[in-house]
Amino acid sequence: IYPQNNSQGNNQGSAGIVFFAGVGTNAYGLRYDGGYKNNLNGIDDGDIGYLWDNDANNGLWDSGITAPHGEWSLVALAVSPTNAVLYIIDATYGVQSAVHTYDHPPGTFNVTGYIGTYPLEGALGNHNFNGNIDEVAIFNSTLSADQVNALYQSALGQPVPPVLSITHAGSNLQLQWTGGVLLQATNLLGPWITNTAAISPYTVSPTNPQQFFRAKQ
């Protein structure tokens, strides 16, 4: 996002960045300025906030991290069942993050999606973001801090080694990587074979006594 230099005076509370909402449905989204708390107090401090499942515990939570005015920042929301992590990465402050430990049910996202606005019902009206938004992406899995930073570095044109993560999915393993191709071997020293059919996220059912994986550009 690129908040305009005068956005501290012009952005309303709960200005939407990316939002999914509909009449009579639960809303999910990423907001500029910290959400309802700041709006109700008449404060627009430029913090990043979010709403998930219309839960006030999310909407009133203050992340305390700020996207600078007049500068491009990557902002991201990574949601898991037990917490949500907000990220801001920019040239001024580097990497900022804030963790909200709270239960988050799965989001259905079966309503209208909005970029740059938060369509509220009632007297508050539409809360439009005063600035520019580019390269919006939504993922069907929770990104790690390394994966978010890799997205930022790749946007700058910087070569970033792919990051591979492995998690348990019942009796299977789920592999995710940030770029390149997946290599696998039955021995740490190889030979390494390129799995041309693998697309991240990739589920593996273990059958060998040992298996090694790595990602390569």
Protein backbone atom coordinates (compact mmCIF):
# COMPACT_ATOMS: atom_id res chain seq x y z
CA ILE A 1 0.00 0.00 0.00
CA TYR A 2 1.01 3.65 -0.46
CA PRO A 3 -0.87 5.90 2.02
CA GLN A 4 -0.99 9.49 0.79
CA ASN A 5 0.98 12.07 2.79
CA ASN A 6 -2.23 13.70 3.96
CA SER A 7 -3.97 10.43 4.76
CA GLN A 8 -3.64 10.85 8.51
CA GLY A 9 -6.20 13.62 8.25
CA ASN A 10 -8.36 12.16 5.49
CA ASN A 11 -8.59 8.40 6.01
CA GLN A 12 -11.63 7.47 8.06
CA GLY A 13 -11.39 4.88 10.80
CA SER A 14 -11.51 1.32 9.46
CA ALA A 15 -10.46 2.25 5.92
CA GLY A 16 -10.47 -0.98 3.96
CA ILE A 17 -7.42 -2.45 2.24
CA VAL A 18 -8.83 -5.86 1.26
CA PHE A 19 -12.24 -6.91 2.56
CA PHE A 20 -14.87 -9.59 2.08
CA ALA A 21 -18.29 -8.57 3.34
CA GLY A 22 -21.97 -8.72 2.54
CA VAL A 23 -25.28 -7.69 4.07
CA GLY A 24 -26.12 -9.99 6.97
CA THR A 25 -22.88 -11.97 6.65
CA ASN A 26 -19.66 -12.09 8.63
CA ALA A 27 -16.85 -9.85 7.37
CA TYR A 28 -13.16 -10.64 6.97
CA GLY A 29 -10.46 -8.20 6.00
CA LEU A 30 -7.37 -6.07 6.39
CA ARG A 31 -7.80 -2.42 7.45
CA TYR A 32 -5.78 0.76 7.60
CA ASP A 33 -5.69 2.68 10.95
CA GLY A 34 -6.29 0.02 13.55
CA GLY A 35 -10.00 -0.60 13.21
CA TYR A 36 -13.08 0.31 15.21
CA LYS A 37 -11.19 1.30 18.34
CA ASN A 38 -9.48 4.22 16.64
CA ASN A 39 -12.59 5.15 14.69
CA LEU A 40 -14.75 5.36 17.80
CA ASN A 41 -12.09 7.42 19.59
CA GLY A 42 -11.73 9.80 16.65
CA ILE A 43 -8.08 8.76 16.13
CA ASP A 44 -6.48 7.96 12.78
CA ASP A 45 -2.97 6.83 13.65
CA GLY A 46 -2.12 4.89 10.50
CA ASP A 47 -1.92 1.53 12.27
CA ILE A 48 -2.82 -1.65 10.43
CA GLY A 49 -5.71 -3.67 11.83
CA TYR A 50 -8.11 -6.37 10.75
CA LEU A 51 -11.54 -7.90 11.29
CA TRP A 52 -12.26 -11.63 11.25
CA ASP A 53 -15.66 -13.26 11.54
CA ASN A 54 -17.18 -9.97 12.77
CA ASP A 55 -15.55 -10.61 16.15
CA ALA A 56 -14.99 -7.45 18.20
CA ASN A 57 -11.98 -9.05 19.88
CA ASN A 58 -10.28 -8.79 16.50
CA GLY A 59 -11.70 -5.44 15.45
CA LEU A 60 -10.78 -3.71 18.71
CA TRP A 61 -7.29 -5.19 18.92
CA ASP A 62 -4.55 -2.57 18.43
CA SER A 63 -1.57 -3.91 16.47
CA GLY A 64 0.65 -0.90 17.24
CA ILE A 65 2.45 -1.18 13.87
CA THR A 66 2.22 1.59 11.30
CA ALA A 67 2.63 1.94 7.55
CA PRO A 68 4.50 5.20 6.79
CA HIS A 69 2.80 7.87 4.69
CA GLY A 70 4.16 8.62 1.24
CA GLU A 71 5.99 5.30 0.94
CA TRP A 72 5.29 1.85 -0.43
CA SER A 73 4.86 -0.87 2.20
CA LEU A 74 3.98 -4.51 1.97
CA VAL A 75 1.20 -5.30 4.44
CA ALA A 76 0.01 -8.83 5.12
CA LEU A 77 -2.40 -10.70 7.38
CA ALA A 78 -1.62 -14.37 8.11
CA VAL A 79 -4.47 -16.15 9.91
CA SER A 80 -4.30 -19.55 11.62
CA PRO A 81 -6.83 -21.26 13.93
CA THR A 82 -5.06 -19.96 17.07
CA ASN A 83 -3.72 -16.55 16.07
CA ALA A 84 -3.37 -13.82 13.46
CA VAL A 85 -0.11 -12.11 12.51
CA LEU A 86 0.05 -8.69 10.87
CA TYR A 87 3.16 -7.71 8.91
CA ILE A 88 4.41 -4.40 7.53
CA ILE A 89 7.67 -4.30 5.54
CA ASP A 90 9.07 -1.04 4.17
CA ALA A 91 12.33 0.81 3.62
CA THR A 92 11.88 3.10 6.65
CA TYR A 93 11.11 0.66 9.47
CA GLY A 94 12.15 -2.67 7.96
CA VAL A 95 10.03 -5.58 9.17
CA GLN A 96 7.27 -4.95 11.73
CA SER A 97 4.93 -7.63 13.00
CA ALA A 98 2.29 -8.08 15.68
CA VAL A 99 0.64 -11.29 16.88
CA HIS A 100 -2.94 -11.51 18.13
CA THR A 101 -3.40 -14.81 19.99
CA TYR A 102 -7.07 -15.65 19.68
CA ASP A 103 -9.24 -18.38 18.11
CA HIS A 104 -10.04 -17.75 14.43
CA PRO A 105 -12.65 -19.95 12.72
CA PRO A 106 -12.23 -20.74 9.01
CA GLY A 107 -13.44 -17.96 6.71
CA THR A 108 -15.89 -18.87 3.94
CA PHE A 109 -15.10 -15.90 1.64
CA ASN A 110 -18.33 -16.58 -0.26
CA VAL A 111 -19.31 -12.90 -0.37
CA THR A 112 -18.21 -9.87 -2.39
CA GLY A 113 -14.54 -8.90 -2.16
CA TYR A 114 -13.44 -5.25 -2.05
CA ILE A 115 -10.06 -3.56 -2.58
CA GLY A 116 -9.49 -0.12 -1.06
CA THR A 117 -12.78 0.16 0.79
CA TYR A 118 -14.69 -1.31 3.71
CA PRO A 119 -18.45 -1.25 3.04
CA LEU A 120 -20.08 -0.79 6.42
CA GLU A 121 -23.79 -0.78 7.07
CA GLY A 122 -25.54 2.11 8.79
CA ALA A 123 -24.37 5.65 9.46
CA LEU A 124 -20.63 4.96 9.14
CA GLY A 125 -20.92 4.50 5.36
CA ASN A 126 -18.10 3.33 3.09
CA HIS A 127 -14.58 3.72 4.46
CA ASN A 128 -12.29 4.29 1.50
CA PHE A 129 -8.51 4.06 1.62
CA ASN A 130 -6.79 7.32 0.67
CA GLY A 131 -3.76 6.12 -1.26
CA ASN A 132 -2.64 3.49 -3.76
CA ILE A 133 -2.86 -0.30 -3.56
CA ASP A 134 -0.98 -2.68 -5.84
CA GLU A 135 -0.23 -6.40 -6.21
CA VAL A 136 -3.07 -7.78 -4.07
CA ALA A 137 -2.77 -11.52 -3.41
CA ILE A 138 -4.79 -13.98 -1.32
CA PHE A 139 -3.37 -17.37 -0.35
CA ASN A 140 -5.20 -20.51 0.75
CA SER A 141 -2.63 -21.28 3.43
CA THR A 142 -1.00 -19.37 6.31
CA LEU A 143 2.28 -17.78 5.19
CA SER A 144 5.29 -17.73 7.50
CA ALA A 145 7.39 -14.63 8.22
CA ASP A 146 10.07 -15.89 5.79
CA GLN A 147 7.48 -16.35 3.06
CA VAL A 148 6.07 -12.85 3.56
CA ASN A 149 9.56 -11.35 3.44
CA ALA A 150 10.33 -13.34 0.28
CA LEU A 151 7.31 -11.74 -1.39
CA TYR A 152 8.63 -8.29 -0.47
CA GLN A 153 12.16 -9.03 -1.71
CA SER A 154 10.90 -10.47 -4.98
CA ALA A 155 8.81 -7.33 -5.55
CA LEU A 156 12.06 -5.34 -5.26
CA GLY A 157 13.68 -7.58 -7.85
CA GLN A 158 16.06 -9.06 -5.29
CA PRO A 159 17.13 -12.69 -5.70
CA VAL A 160 15.59 -14.60 -2.82
CA PRO A 161 16.41 -18.25 -2.08
CA PRO A 162 13.16 -20.23 -1.90
CA VAL A 163 11.96 -21.12 1.59
CA LEU A 164 10.64 -24.64 2.16
CA SER A 165 8.38 -25.47 5.11
CA ILE A 166 7.08 -28.91 6.12
CA THR A 167 4.11 -29.47 8.43
CA HIS A 168 2.13 -32.51 9.52
CA ALA A 169 -1.30 -33.04 7.99
CA GLY A 170 -2.60 -36.06 9.83
CA SER A 171 -0.48 -39.03 8.72
CA ASN A 172 0.78 -37.05 5.71
CA LEU A 173 3.24 -34.19 5.27
CA GLN A 174 2.40 -30.90 3.59
CA LEU A 175 5.23 -29.08 1.83
CA GLN A 176 5.13 -25.39 0.89
CA TRP A 177 7.83 -23.38 -0.84
CA THR A 178 8.08 -19.77 -1.93
CA GLY A 179 9.46 -20.33 -5.43
CA GLY A 180 11.47 -22.54 -7.73
CA VAL A 181 11.04 -26.30 -7.93
CA LEU A 182 10.91 -29.12 -5.40
CA LEU A 183 13.81 -31.59 -5.20
CA GLN A 184 13.69 -34.87 -3.31
CA ALA A 185 16.07 -37.68 -2.43
CA THR A 186 16.21 -40.78 -0.26
CA ASN A 187 19.73 -39.86 0.88
CA LEU A 188 21.00 -36.50 2.11
CA LEU A 189 23.91 -36.64 -0.36
CA GLY A 190 21.62 -37.44 -3.27
CA PRO A 191 21.05 -38.09 -6.01
CA TRP A 192 18.45 -35.30 -5.94
CA ILE A 193 15.52 -35.67 -8.33
CA THR A 194 13.34 -32.77 -9.51
CA ASN A 195 9.67 -33.43 -8.82
CA THR A 196 8.22 -31.71 -11.88
CA ALA A 197 4.64 -32.57 -10.89
CA ALA A 198 4.81 -30.92 -7.45
CA ILE A 199 2.97 -27.62 -6.97
CA SER A 200 3.03 -25.80 -3.62
CA PRO A 201 1.31 -26.71 -1.32
CA TYR A 202 2.13 -30.37 -1.95
CA THR A 203 0.98 -33.34 0.17
CA VAL A 204 3.28 -36.32 0.65
CA SER A 205 2.32 -39.73 2.05
CA PRO A 206 5.53 -41.12 3.64
CA THR A 207 6.46 -44.57 2.32
CA ASN A 208 10.28 -44.63 2.64
CA PRO A 209 12.31 -45.04 5.88
CA GLN A 210 13.67 -41.54 5.15
CA GLN A 211 13.04 -38.82 2.59
CA PHE A 212 14.73 -35.45 2.05
CA PHE A 213 13.33 -32.37 0.33
CA ARG A 214 14.67 -29.00 -0.72
CA ALA A 215 13.56 -26.15 -3.01
CA LYS A 216 15.76 -24.70 -5.74
CA GLN A 217 15.32 -21.71 -8.06
